[in-house]
PDB file of N, CA and C in Angstrom:
ATOM      1  N   MET A   1      24.014 -45.210-112.799  1.00  0.00           N
ATOM      2  CA  MET A   1      23.648 -46.520-112.284  1.00  0.00           C
ATOM      3  C   MET A   1      24.694 -46.970-111.263  1.00  0.00           C
ATOM      4  N   LYS A   2      24.252 -47.262-110.080  1.00  0.00           N
ATOM      5  CA  LYS A   2      25.150 -47.731-109.031  1.00  0.00           C
ATOM      6  C   LYS A   2      25.410 -49.218-109.193  1.00  0.00           C
ATOM      7  N   MET A   3      26.683 -49.572-109.056  1.00  0.00           N
ATOM      8  CA  MET A   3      27.048 -50.986-109.083  1.00  0.00           C
ATOM      9  C   MET A   3      27.098 -51.499-107.655  1.00  0.00           C
ATOM     10  N   ARG A   4      26.746 -52.724-107.506  1.00  0.00           N
ATOM     11  CA  ARG A   4      26.845 -53.368-106.196  1.00  0.00           C
ATOM     12  C   ARG A   4      27.776 -54.549-106.296  1.00  0.00           C
ATOM     13  N   LEU A   5      28.643 -54.646-105.328  1.00  0.00           N
ATOM     14  CA  LEU A   5      29.525 -55.801-105.253  1.00  0.00           C
ATOM     15  C   LEU A   5      28.783 -56.954-104.607  1.00  0.00           C
ATOM     16  N   ASP A   6      29.027 -58.140-105.110  1.00  0.00           N
ATOM     17  CA  ASP A   6      28.500 -59.328-104.446  1.00  0.00           C
ATOM     18  C   ASP A   6      29.554 -59.740-103.428  1.00  0.00           C
ATOM     19  N   THR A   7      29.483 -59.118-102.257  1.00  0.00           N
ATOM     20  CA  THR A   7      30.532 -59.337-101.253  1.00  0.00           C
ATOM     21  C   THR A   7      30.590 -60.782-100.781  1.00  0.00           C
ATOM     22  N   GLY A   8      29.473 -61.478-100.839  1.00  0.00           N
ATOM     23  CA  GLY A   8      29.480 -62.890-100.454  1.00  0.00           C
ATOM     24  C   GLY A   8      30.432 -63.694-101.326  1.00  0.00           C
ATOM     25  N   LYS A   9      30.397 -63.417-102.633  1.00  0.00           N
ATOM     26  CA  LYS A   9      31.283 -64.116-103.555  1.00  0.00           C
ATOM     27  C   LYS A   9      32.740 -63.701-103.334  1.00  0.00           C
ATOM     28  N   ILE A  10      32.928 -62.429-103.023  1.00  0.00           N
ATOM     29  CA  ILE A  10      34.285 -61.946-102.785  1.00  0.00           C
ATOM     30  C   ILE A  10      34.865 -62.590-101.533  1.00  0.00           C
ATOM     31  N   TYR A  11      34.091 -62.624-100.458  1.00  0.00           N
ATOM     32  CA  TYR A  11      34.566 -63.260 -99.222  1.00  0.00           C
ATOM     33  C   TYR A  11      34.829 -64.746 -99.437  1.00  0.00           C
ATOM     34  N   LEU A  12      33.988 -65.408-100.233  1.00  0.00           N
ATOM     35  CA  LEU A  12      34.192 -66.826-100.525  1.00  0.00           C
ATOM     36  C   LEU A  12      35.498 -67.027-101.298  1.00  0.00           C
ATOM     37  N   ALA A  13      35.735 -66.188-102.311  1.00  0.00           N
ATOM     38  CA  ALA A  13      36.971 -66.287-103.090  1.00  0.00           C
ATOM     39  C   ALA A  13      38.185 -66.005-102.212  1.00  0.00           C
ATOM     40  N   MET A  14      38.054 -65.030-101.317  1.00  0.00           N
ATOM     41  CA  MET A  14      39.154 -64.730-100.395  1.00  0.00           C
ATOM     42  C   MET A  14      39.467 -65.942 -99.528  1.00  0.00           C
ATOM     43  N   ALA A  15      38.438 -66.582 -99.022  1.00  0.00           N
ATOM     44  CA  ALA A  15      38.640 -67.748 -98.158  1.00  0.00           C
ATOM     45  C   ALA A  15      39.261 -68.903 -98.941  1.00  0.00           C
ATOM     46  N   GLU A  16      38.781 -69.124-100.165  1.00  0.00           N
ATOM     47  CA  GLU A  16      39.309 -70.220-100.984  1.00  0.00           C
ATOM     48  C   GLU A  16      40.788 -70.012-101.302  1.00  0.00           C
ATOM     49  N   LYS A  17      41.181 -68.762-101.511  1.00  0.00           N
ATOM     50  CA  LYS A  17      42.566 -68.471-101.857  1.00  0.00           C
ATOM     51  C   LYS A  17      43.422 -68.139-100.641  1.00  0.00           C
ATOM     52  N   GLY A  18      42.777 -68.062 -99.469  1.00  0.00           N
ATOM     53  CA  GLY A  18      43.505 -67.763 -98.243  1.00  0.00           C
ATOM     54  C   GLY A  18      44.059 -66.344 -98.220  1.00  0.00           C
ATOM     55  N   MET A  19      43.322 -65.408 -98.825  1.00  0.00           N
ATOM     56  CA  MET A  19      43.789 -64.019 -98.907  1.00  0.00           C
ATOM     57  C   MET A  19      43.037 -63.140 -97.921  1.00  0.00           C
ATOM     58  N   THR A  20      43.706 -62.103 -97.494  1.00  0.00           N
ATOM     59  CA  THR A  20      43.095 -61.107 -96.628  1.00  0.00           C
ATOM     60  C   THR A  20      42.839 -59.837 -97.432  1.00  0.00           C
ATOM     61  N   ALA A  21      42.062 -58.942 -96.864  1.00  0.00           N
ATOM     62  CA  ALA A  21      41.807 -57.655 -97.512  1.00  0.00           C
ATOM     63  C   ALA A  21      43.117 -56.884 -97.696  1.00  0.00           C
ATOM     64  N   THR A  22      44.025 -57.025 -96.767  1.00  0.00           N
ATOM     65  CA  THR A  22      45.317 -56.350 -96.865  1.00  0.00           C
ATOM     66  C   THR A  22      46.110 -56.869 -98.059  1.00  0.00           C
ATOM     67  N   GLU A  23      46.092 -58.166 -98.272  1.00  0.00           N
ATOM     68  CA  GLU A  23      46.806 -58.745 -99.414  1.00  0.00           C
ATOM     69  C   GLU A  23      46.174 -58.306-100.737  1.00  0.00           C
ATOM     70  N   ILE A  24      44.865 -58.240-100.777  1.00  0.00           N
ATOM     71  CA  ILE A  24      44.174 -57.775-101.983  1.00  0.00           C
ATOM     72  C   ILE A  24      44.537 -56.321-102.253  1.00  0.00           C
ATOM     73  N   ALA A  25      44.577 -55.524-101.207  1.00  0.00           N
ATOM     74  CA  ALA A  25      44.933 -54.113-101.353  1.00  0.00           C
ATOM     75  C   ALA A  25      46.343 -53.966-101.921  1.00  0.00           C
ATOM     76  N   LYS A  26      47.276 -54.744-101.404  1.00  0.00           N
ATOM     77  CA  LYS A  26      48.655 -54.668-101.893  1.00  0.00           C
ATOM     78  C   LYS A  26      48.738 -55.055-103.360  1.00  0.00           C
ATOM     79  N   GLN A  27      48.049 -56.126-103.745  1.00  0.00           N
ATOM     80  CA  GLN A  27      48.078 -56.572-105.139  1.00  0.00           C
ATOM     81  C   GLN A  27      47.373 -55.584-106.061  1.00  0.00           C
ATOM     82  N   GLY A  28      46.352 -54.920-105.555  1.00  0.00           N
ATOM     83  CA  GLY A  28      45.609 -53.959-106.353  1.00  0.00           C
ATOM     84  C   GLY A  28      46.171 -52.551-106.280  1.00  0.00           C
ATOM     85  N   ASP A  29      47.228 -52.365-105.509  1.00  0.00           N
ATOM     86  CA  ASP A  29      47.873 -51.069-105.321  1.00  0.00           C
ATOM     87  C   ASP A  29      46.887 -50.003-104.836  1.00  0.00           C
ATOM     88  N   VAL A  30      46.052 -50.418-103.870  1.00  0.00           N
ATOM     89  CA  VAL A  30      45.116 -49.498-103.212  1.00  0.00           C
ATOM     90  C   VAL A  30      45.282 -49.675-101.707  1.00  0.00           C
ATOM     91  N   SER A  31      44.694 -48.773-100.945  1.00  0.00           N
ATOM     92  CA  SER A  31      44.813 -48.886 -99.495  1.00  0.00           C
ATOM     93  C   SER A  31      43.911 -50.000 -98.968  1.00  0.00           C
ATOM     94  N   GLN A  32      44.292 -50.513 -97.814  1.00  0.00           N
ATOM     95  CA  GLN A  32      43.472 -51.539 -97.166  1.00  0.00           C
ATOM     96  C   GLN A  32      42.125 -50.950 -96.802  1.00  0.00           C
ATOM     97  N   GLN A  33      42.111 -49.681 -96.437  1.00  0.00           N
ATOM     98  CA  GLN A  33      40.856 -49.018 -96.073  1.00  0.00           C
ATOM     99  C   GLN A  33      39.921 -48.951 -97.269  1.00  0.00           C
ATOM    100  N   ALA A  34      40.449 -48.742 -98.469  1.00  0.00           N
ATOM    101  CA  ALA A  34      39.624 -48.694 -99.676  1.00  0.00           C
ATOM    102  C   ALA A  34      38.965 -50.047 -99.931  1.00  0.00           C
ATOM    103  N   VAL A  35      39.729 -51.113 -99.752  1.00  0.00           N
ATOM    104  CA  VAL A  35      39.181 -52.461 -99.926  1.00  0.00           C
ATOM    105  C   VAL A  35      38.118 -52.726 -98.862  1.00  0.00           C
ATOM    106  N   SER A  36      38.419 -52.369 -97.626  1.00  0.00           N
ATOM    107  CA  SER A  36      37.472 -52.563 -96.535  1.00  0.00           C
ATOM    108  C   SER A  36      36.177 -51.801 -96.787  1.00  0.00           C
ATOM    109  N   ASN A  37      36.293 -50.545 -97.219  1.00  0.00           N
ATOM    110  CA  ASN A  37      35.105 -49.744 -97.508  1.00  0.00           C
ATOM    111  C   ASN A  37      34.262 -50.380 -98.601  1.00  0.00           C
ATOM    112  N   ALA A  38      34.911 -50.861 -99.648  1.00  0.00           N
ATOM    113  CA  ALA A  38      34.181 -51.492-100.746  1.00  0.00           C
ATOM    114  C   ALA A  38      33.471 -52.759-100.268  1.00  0.00           C
ATOM    115  N   LEU A  39      34.165 -53.572 -99.483  1.00  0.00           N
ATOM    116  CA  LEU A  39      33.572 -54.818 -98.990  1.00  0.00           C
ATOM    117  C   LEU A  39      32.414 -54.571 -98.017  1.00  0.00           C
ATOM    118  N   ASN A  40      32.486 -53.464 -97.313  1.00  0.00           N
ATOM    119  CA  ASN A  40      31.427 -53.126 -96.360  1.00  0.00           C
ATOM    120  C   ASN A  40      30.310 -52.311 -96.992  1.00  0.00           C
ATOM    121  N   GLY A  41      30.454 -51.997 -98.274  1.00  0.00           N
ATOM    122  CA  GLY A  41      29.423 -51.242 -98.971  1.00  0.00           C
ATOM    123  C   GLY A  41      29.423 -49.769 -98.661  1.00  0.00           C
ATOM    124  N   ASN A  42      30.486 -49.270 -98.048  1.00  0.00           N
ATOM    125  CA  ASN A  42      30.545 -47.866 -97.696  1.00  0.00           C
ATOM    126  C   ASN A  42      30.880 -46.970 -98.876  1.00  0.00           C
ATOM    127  N   ARG A  43      31.832 -47.382 -99.674  1.00  0.00           N
ATOM    128  CA  ARG A  43      32.268 -46.580-100.817  1.00  0.00           C
ATOM    129  C   ARG A  43      32.845 -47.491-101.878  1.00  0.00           C
ATOM    130  N   MET A  44      32.756 -47.022-103.106  1.00  0.00           N
ATOM    131  CA  MET A  44      33.394 -47.726-104.218  1.00  0.00           C
ATOM    132  C   MET A  44      34.303 -46.732-104.907  1.00  0.00           C
ATOM    133  N   GLY A  45      35.492 -47.154-105.226  1.00  0.00           N
ATOM    134  CA  GLY A  45      36.408 -46.300-105.975  1.00  0.00           C
ATOM    135  C   GLY A  45      36.013 -46.243-107.435  1.00  0.00           C
ATOM    136  N   LYS A  46      36.789 -45.499-108.168  1.00  0.00           N
ATOM    137  CA  LYS A  46      36.525 -45.381-109.609  1.00  0.00           C
ATOM    138  C   LYS A  46      37.151 -46.520-110.364  1.00  0.00           C
TER     139      LYS A  46
END
């Protein structure tokens, strides 16, 4: 079963907290490209 991110909610939360994808990547200890791919629906990590 494929999971789908509700990117609208993620972008809204990012805006409310004033965070960028780069900051999320740093806090999550993943690459910025991984976060970008997930937000764009290209790939999801494990």
